[in-house]
Protein backbone atom coordinates (compact mmCIF):
# COMPACT_ATOMS: atom_id res chain seq x y z
CA MET A 1 -0.40 15.45 65.73
CA ALA A 2 -0.36 13.43 62.59
CA THR A 3 -2.56 14.61 59.79
CA GLU A 4 -5.63 12.73 58.16
CA SER A 5 -4.33 11.92 54.05
CA GLN A 6 -6.27 13.07 51.65
CA PRO A 7 -7.72 11.24 48.80
CA PRO A 8 -6.22 11.83 45.59
CA VAL A 9 -7.65 13.94 43.37
CA PRO A 10 -8.36 12.28 39.99
CA GLN A 11 -5.87 13.88 37.12
CA ALA A 12 -8.40 15.72 34.80
CA ASP A 13 -7.80 14.54 31.39
CA PRO A 14 -8.02 17.39 28.86
CA ASN A 15 -11.25 17.91 27.30
CA SER A 16 -11.65 16.02 23.84
CA GLY A 17 -15.01 18.56 22.70
CA PRO A 18 -12.94 20.69 20.44
CA ALA A 19 -11.55 18.23 18.66
CA ILE A 20 -14.97 16.47 18.10
CA THR A 21 -16.50 19.87 16.54
CA ALA A 22 -12.93 20.61 14.65
CA VAL A 23 -12.92 17.17 12.60
CA THR A 24 -16.91 16.92 12.73
CA SER A 25 -16.87 20.60 10.71
CA VAL A 26 -13.85 20.29 8.22
CA LEU A 27 -15.29 16.55 7.23
CA LEU A 28 -18.75 18.22 7.03
CA ALA A 29 -17.52 21.04 4.99
CA ILE A 30 -15.76 18.93 2.56
CA ALA A 31 -18.50 17.05 1.77
CA ILE A 32 -20.90 19.75 1.27
CA ILE A 33 -18.47 21.28 -1.31
CA LEU A 34 -18.02 18.17 -3.12
CA VAL A 35 -21.47 17.21 -3.51
CA GLY A 36 -22.08 20.88 -4.61
CA LEU A 37 -19.39 20.63 -7.50
CA ARG A 38 -20.63 16.95 -8.13
CA CYS A 39 -24.25 18.47 -8.77
CA TYR A 40 -22.19 21.25 -10.88
CA VAL A 41 -20.83 18.76 -13.21
CA ARG A 42 -23.98 16.62 -13.81
CA VAL A 43 -26.58 19.32 -14.10
CA ILE A 44 -23.97 21.89 -16.36
CA LEU A 45 -21.35 20.21 -17.72
CA SER A 46 -22.71 16.49 -18.67
CA LYS A 47 -26.60 17.36 -18.12
CA ASN A 48 -26.99 14.41 -16.76
CA ILE A 49 -28.24 13.77 -13.51
CA GLY A 50 -29.40 10.31 -12.04
CA TRP A 51 -30.67 8.13 -9.26
CA ASP A 52 -27.39 7.91 -7.60
CA ASP A 53 -27.30 11.66 -7.72
CA GLY A 54 -30.53 12.17 -5.72
CA VAL A 55 -29.49 9.10 -3.12
CA MET A 56 -26.56 11.56 -2.41
CA LEU A 57 -28.25 14.23 -2.03
CA PHE A 58 -30.70 12.78 0.68
CA THR A 59 -27.39 11.23 2.37
CA LEU A 60 -25.62 14.55 2.64
CA GLY A 61 -29.04 16.06 4.62
CA VAL A 62 -28.61 13.23 6.80
CA LEU A 63 -24.83 13.58 7.44
CA ILE A 64 -25.80 17.65 8.18
CA ALA A 65 -28.42 16.31 10.55
CA GLY A 66 -25.90 13.91 12.15
CA ASP A 67 -23.36 16.20 12.66
CA ALA A 68 -26.24 18.71 14.33
CA VAL A 69 -26.39 15.70 16.75
CA ILE A 70 -22.75 15.40 17.23
CA PHE A 71 -22.94 18.98 18.48
CA GLU A 72 -25.41 18.90 20.86
CA MET A 73 -23.63 15.88 22.20
CA VAL A 74 -20.36 17.97 22.87
CA ALA A 75 -22.76 20.98 23.97
CA THR A 76 -24.60 17.84 26.70
CA GLY A 77 -20.82 17.08 27.88
CA ALA A 78 -19.05 14.56 25.40
CA GLY A 79 -15.29 14.93 25.58
CA HIS A 80 -15.59 15.07 29.97
CA HIS A 81 -15.35 12.85 32.41
CA LEU A 82 -18.46 12.84 34.52
CA TYR A 83 -17.30 14.04 37.70
CA GLU A 84 -16.20 16.86 35.84
CA LEU A 85 -20.01 18.15 34.85
CA PRO A 86 -21.66 19.77 37.13
CA GLU A 87 -24.91 16.90 36.79
CA PRO A 88 -23.11 13.82 35.64
CA GLU A 89 -26.47 11.53 35.75
CA GLN A 90 -28.08 14.14 33.93
CA ALA A 91 -25.81 14.52 31.20
CA ALA A 92 -25.13 11.04 30.97
CA LEU A 93 -29.20 10.36 30.33
CA THR A 94 -29.44 13.18 27.84
CA LEU A 95 -25.93 11.96 25.93
CA LEU A 96 -27.59 8.64 25.86
CA LYS A 97 -30.65 9.94 23.68
CA TRP A 98 -28.84 11.58 21.46
CA ASN A 99 -26.55 8.87 20.96
CA SER A 100 -29.65 6.40 20.08
CA ILE A 101 -30.52 9.51 17.29
CA TYR A 102 -26.95 9.53 15.98
CA GLN A 103 -26.69 5.73 15.50
CA VAL A 104 -29.82 5.79 13.30
CA LEU A 105 -28.47 8.60 11.51
CA ASN A 106 -25.22 7.01 10.98
CA VAL A 107 -25.96 3.91 10.00
CA ILE A 108 -28.90 5.42 7.32
CA GLY A 109 -26.35 7.56 5.94
CA ALA A 110 -23.40 4.99 5.47
CA PHE A 111 -25.85 2.84 3.68
CA GLY A 112 -26.88 5.70 1.49
CA THR A 113 -23.56 6.27 0.35
CA LYS A 114 -22.91 2.28 -0.55
CA LEU A 115 -26.17 2.70 -2.40
CA SER A 116 -25.45 5.84 -4.26
CA ILE A 117 -22.06 4.43 -5.38
CA GLY A 118 -23.52 1.11 -6.40
CA ILE A 119 -26.41 2.76 -8.76
CA PHE A 120 -23.50 4.97 -10.22
CA LEU A 121 -21.49 1.73 -11.02
CA LEU A 122 -24.50 0.30 -12.80
CA ARG A 123 -24.55 3.46 -14.83
CA LEU A 124 -21.05 2.59 -15.81
CA LYS A 125 -21.35 -1.34 -16.30
CA ASN A 126 -25.01 -2.27 -16.41
CA SER A 127 -25.01 -5.56 -17.88
CA ARG A 128 -27.33 -8.38 -16.20
CA ARG A 129 -24.55 -10.14 -14.34
CA PHE A 130 -23.03 -7.25 -12.62
CA ARG A 131 -26.26 -5.61 -11.28
CA TRP A 132 -26.98 -9.11 -9.43
CA VAL A 133 -23.44 -8.65 -7.88
CA ILE A 134 -24.12 -5.50 -6.90
CA TRP A 135 -27.49 -5.98 -5.31
CA MET A 136 -25.89 -9.52 -3.74
CA PHE A 137 -23.71 -6.79 -1.53
CA LEU A 138 -26.11 -4.22 -0.86
CA THR A 139 -29.25 -6.47 -0.11
CA PRO A 140 -27.90 -7.69 3.02
CA LEU A 141 -26.44 -4.78 3.71
CA ALA A 142 -29.67 -3.30 4.01
CA VAL A 143 -31.40 -5.80 5.79
CA THR A 144 -29.30 -5.51 8.46
CA THR A 145 -29.07 -1.25 8.57
CA LEU A 146 -33.15 -1.87 8.86
CA VAL A 147 -32.52 -4.31 11.88
CA VAL A 148 -29.90 -2.10 13.58
CA VAL A 149 -32.29 0.76 13.09
CA PHE A 150 -35.42 -1.10 14.88
CA THR A 151 -33.45 -2.35 17.42
CA VAL A 152 -32.39 0.86 18.52
CA LEU A 153 -35.55 2.92 18.14
CA LEU A 154 -37.31 -0.42 19.92
CA GLN A 155 -34.73 -1.58 22.48
CA CYS A 156 -37.03 0.28 24.74
CA ILE A 157 -41.37 1.08 24.57
CA PRO A 158 -41.58 3.88 25.04
CA LEU A 159 -37.76 4.62 23.93
CA GLN A 160 -37.79 7.61 26.19
CA ALA A 161 -37.74 5.34 28.80
CA LEU A 162 -34.22 4.77 27.83
CA TRP A 163 -32.84 8.18 29.20
CA THR A 164 -35.96 9.10 31.85
CA PRO A 165 -35.85 7.24 34.82
CA ALA A 166 -39.41 8.53 35.32
CA VAL A 167 -41.00 7.26 32.57
CA LYS A 168 -41.90 3.32 33.09
CA GLY A 169 -41.10 0.80 30.30
CA ARG A 170 -40.15 -2.40 28.80
CA CYS A 171 -36.14 -2.38 28.03
CA ILE A 172 -34.27 -5.61 26.11
CA SER A 173 -30.46 -5.86 27.03
CA GLN A 174 -27.46 -3.49 26.11
CA ASN A 175 -26.06 -6.34 24.27
CA VAL A 176 -28.88 -6.73 21.63
CA PRO A 177 -28.37 -3.47 19.84
CA LEU A 178 -24.59 -3.82 20.28
CA THR A 179 -24.50 -7.37 18.33
CA ALA A 180 -26.53 -6.36 15.50
CA SER A 181 -24.07 -3.31 15.10
CA TYR A 182 -21.19 -5.78 15.02
CA VAL A 183 -23.26 -7.64 12.32
CA GLN A 184 -24.38 -4.84 10.51
CA SER A 185 -20.70 -3.71 10.39
CA ALA A 186 -19.42 -6.77 8.78
CA PHE A 187 -21.58 -6.56 5.99
CA ALA A 188 -20.36 -2.94 5.75
CA ILE A 189 -17.25 -3.67 5.65
CA ILE A 190 -17.41 -6.19 2.80
CA THR A 191 -19.31 -4.03 0.85
CA ASP A 192 -16.71 -1.14 1.29
CA LEU A 193 -14.34 -3.20 -0.20
CA PHE A 194 -16.06 -4.37 -2.93
CA LEU A 195 -17.43 -1.12 -4.03
CA THR A 196 -13.92 -0.23 -3.64
CA VAL A 197 -12.47 -1.91 -6.13
CA SER A 198 -15.25 -2.33 -8.57
CA PRO A 199 -14.69 1.09 -9.70
CA MET A 200 -10.97 0.35 -10.40
CA VAL A 201 -11.42 -2.43 -12.12
CA ILE A 202 -13.98 -0.84 -14.75
CA LEU A 203 -11.63 2.08 -14.97
CA TRP A 204 -8.84 0.72 -16.68
CA ASN A 205 -10.93 -0.25 -19.49
CA ILE A 206 -11.39 3.05 -20.13
CA LYS A 207 -9.02 4.45 -22.72
CA ILE A 208 -6.97 7.10 -20.91
CA SER A 209 -3.55 7.03 -19.74
CA ARG A 210 -2.14 4.66 -17.33
CA SER A 211 -0.60 7.40 -15.33
CA LYS A 212 -4.05 9.16 -15.07
CA LYS A 213 -5.87 5.92 -14.31
CA VAL A 214 -3.43 5.33 -11.25
CA GLY A 215 -3.78 9.10 -10.32
CA ILE A 216 -7.50 8.80 -10.27
CA CYS A 217 -7.49 5.57 -8.48
CA GLY A 218 -5.48 6.34 -5.90
CA LEU A 219 -8.28 9.33 -5.29
CA MET A 220 -10.80 6.76 -5.29
CA SER A 221 -9.42 4.40 -2.74
CA LEU A 222 -10.13 6.93 0.09
CA GLY A 223 -13.04 4.41 0.41
CA LEU A 224 -10.75 2.19 2.08
CA MET A 225 -10.21 4.58 4.63
CA ALA A 226 -14.11 4.57 5.16
CA THR A 227 -13.56 0.85 5.61
CA ILE A 228 -10.97 1.15 7.92
CA ALA A 229 -12.76 3.62 10.25
CA ASN A 230 -15.78 1.14 10.47
CA ALA A 231 -13.17 -1.33 11.74
CA LEU A 232 -12.39 0.90 14.13
CA ARG A 233 -15.77 1.24 15.50
CA ASN A 234 -16.21 -1.69 15.99
CA ALA A 235 -13.21 -1.65 18.12
CA TYR A 236 -14.53 1.08 20.53
CA ILE A 237 -18.68 -0.43 20.37
CA PRO A 238 -17.83 -1.83 24.03
CA ASN A 239 -17.11 1.77 25.42
CA LEU A 240 -21.03 2.60 24.66
CA THR A 241 -21.55 0.48 28.02
CA GLU A 242 -18.78 1.94 30.22
CA SER A 243 -19.74 3.95 33.30
CA ASP A 244 -17.50 7.19 32.15
CA PHE A 245 -19.69 7.42 29.31
CA THR A 246 -19.13 11.07 28.24
CA PHE A 247 -15.69 10.51 27.81
CA THR A 248 -15.67 6.95 26.33
CA ILE A 249 -18.02 7.83 23.80
CA VAL A 250 -15.57 9.92 22.18
CA PRO A 251 -13.57 7.93 20.23
CA ILE A 252 -16.60 6.11 18.81
CA VAL A 253 -18.36 9.30 17.52
CA ILE A 254 -14.96 10.63 15.58
CA VAL A 255 -14.70 7.06 13.76
CA ALA A 256 -18.17 6.88 13.40
CA ASP A 257 -18.27 10.13 11.62
CA LEU A 258 -15.11 9.68 9.82
CA GLU A 259 -17.01 6.32 8.09
CA PHE A 260 -19.67 8.75 7.10
CA SER A 261 -18.30 11.68 6.24
CA LEU A 262 -15.19 10.01 4.26
CA GLY A 263 -17.93 7.98 2.40
CA VAL A 264 -19.34 10.78 1.28
CA ILE A 265 -16.53 12.17 0.05
CA ALA A 266 -15.07 9.06 -1.94
CA ALA A 267 -18.42 8.61 -3.80
CA CYS A 268 -18.16 12.44 -5.16
CA ILE A 269 -14.85 12.24 -6.51
CA PRO A 270 -15.10 9.84 -9.75
CA THR A 271 -17.89 12.07 -10.67
CA LEU A 272 -15.51 15.22 -10.84
CA MET A 273 -13.11 14.23 -13.75
CA PRO A 274 -14.94 16.55 -15.98
CA LEU A 275 -14.72 19.41 -13.94
CA PHE A 276 -10.69 19.34 -14.52
CA LYS A 277 -10.38 18.91 -17.89
CA ARG A 278 -10.53 20.82 -21.23
CA GLN A 279 -13.65 20.98 -23.13
CA LYS A 280 -12.35 18.44 -25.76
CA GLU A 281 -11.03 16.27 -23.17
CA ARG A 282 -14.01 15.82 -21.06
CA LYS A 283 -15.66 13.26 -23.28
CA ALA A 284 -12.73 10.69 -22.43
CA TYR A 285 -13.96 10.95 -18.90
CA SER A 286 -17.78 11.02 -19.47
CA LYS A 287 -17.83 7.71 -18.03
CA MET A 288 -16.42 8.86 -14.71
CA SER A 289 -19.51 10.89 -14.42
CA GLY A 290 -21.80 8.25 -15.03
CA LYS A 291 -22.81 9.80 -18.99
CA GLN A 292 -24.66 6.87 -20.61
CA SER A 293 -24.10 6.57 -24.35
CA SER A 294 -27.28 7.63 -26.24
CA GLY A 295 -26.28 4.42 -28.57
CA CYS A 296 -24.65 4.44 -31.75
CA ALA A 297 -25.94 3.89 -35.29
CA SER A 298 -24.63 0.62 -37.27
CA GLN A 299 -24.20 2.86 -40.32
CA ARG A 300 -23.88 6.35 -41.07
CA GLN A 301 -23.81 7.69 -44.55
CA TYR A 302 -21.85 11.00 -45.52
CA PHE A 303 -22.45 11.85 -49.30
CA ASN A 304 -19.61 14.32 -50.57
CA GLY A 305 -19.52 16.68 -47.59
CA SER A 306 -22.82 18.12 -49.01
CA GLY A 307 -25.22 16.98 -46.99
CA LYS A 308 -27.73 15.64 -49.46
CA GLU A 309 -28.65 12.37 -49.50
CA GLN A 310 -27.57 10.65 -52.83
CA PRO A 311 -29.07 7.89 -54.58
CA THR A 312 -27.72 4.36 -53.25
CA HIS A 313 -25.89 3.42 -56.62
CA THR A 314 -23.90 6.63 -56.57
CA GLU A 315 -20.11 6.06 -56.48
CA ASP A 316 -19.30 8.60 -53.75
CA LEU A 317 -21.69 7.06 -51.67
CA THR A 318 -19.59 6.03 -48.19
CA THR A 319 -20.88 4.07 -45.52
CA ILE A 320 -19.34 3.78 -42.78
CA THR A 321 -19.80 1.30 -39.85
CA THR A 322 -18.63 1.49 -36.05
CA GLU A 323 -18.49 -0.84 -33.41
CA CYS A 324 -20.15 0.54 -30.26
CA HIS A 325 -18.68 -0.62 -27.12
CA GLY A 326 -21.00 1.24 -24.68
CA TYR A 327 -19.55 4.85 -24.09
CA PRO A 328 -19.54 7.63 -26.97
CA LEU A 329 -17.40 8.02 -29.63
CA ASN A 330 -15.93 11.26 -30.66
CA ASP A 331 -17.25 12.63 -34.17
CA LEU A 332 -15.35 14.83 -35.49
CA ARG A 333 -16.46 15.70 -39.40
CA ASP A 334 -14.19 17.89 -41.76
CA LYS A 335 -15.98 18.33 -44.99
CA ASP A 336 -15.14 15.21 -47.03
CA HIS A 337 -13.77 12.86 -44.21
CA ILE A 338 -14.72 11.69 -40.83
CA THR A 339 -12.39 10.62 -38.00
CA LEU A 340 -13.47 8.41 -35.42
CA GLN A 341 -11.89 7.40 -32.36
CA GLN A 342 -13.30 3.77 -32.52
CA SER A 343 -12.08 1.31 -35.16
CA PHE A 344 -13.95 1.40 -38.36
CA THR A 345 -14.31 0.05 -41.92
CA VAL A 346 -15.06 1.61 -45.33
CA GLU A 347 -16.55 0.13 -47.91
CA HIS A 348 -17.17 1.87 -51.05
CA SER A 349 -19.80 0.88 -53.84
């Protein structure tokens, strides 16, 4: 008697949940350490904390909240196939709720990193033209970020209807949030490229050795990795509409967290340069920590090292005129002479 053939059992893929947790935890730890070091440099070493640091602290808080949501997604079943879960329908709906929350946190946090970098660049080069260029890139990104936030939060009214079938509500097509995400991502990529290149151009005019410039620029190019992660996120966005939602969401969660975390890391690296220099070398890197010049006097008078003011007709009077380039001059006075790192003219009367 012929036996009935049984349908093949689906081959289970390895659970991707632990990989999500590991990648998220490592990146979060690095981000927390670097933001902490950034605050140490700004508050203790350079004593020059600014708005870019405040924005970065806020962004770190958003990153922590977003990673907490990722951990909840893993606990719900992200990384498993739906057929592997005891209650697949409930797991998919709960995951849909956490994913909606994470989308909002991710786009807000990613914009926060770019805003912090933009303000930091304005501390390095605060010309009127450069301010216009910075806001020309950041403003469209801010608008599209708000569009994504409101589109996600208002895709169902009430929003709870998105993941609770018992709640009746009005929902828009799933393609609307996806389209908004594509547009916002395009502006984010363009802004990332601009914010990555701009510090390198500014840095090249600072008087440090070429090898150090190349090394610092190499570290700052980590921002390009965030740009690549953003581009990859676009490739995985259609996975959000797949039926095996708990498994197909894994790549987009990983690349979204990579984009966010690497953005925070890349934004902190330029501010840490004074941390690795001796005390006498830190001023040469003051622009990399965003330290503003306190201004420079057009004329300074020194009188035979005595420190006392002399009449203007005294033969020993020396007037030193310096040229201010917008960054601190290192003045080292030693008795009867003064050494300036900038060019100067000496007039005797």
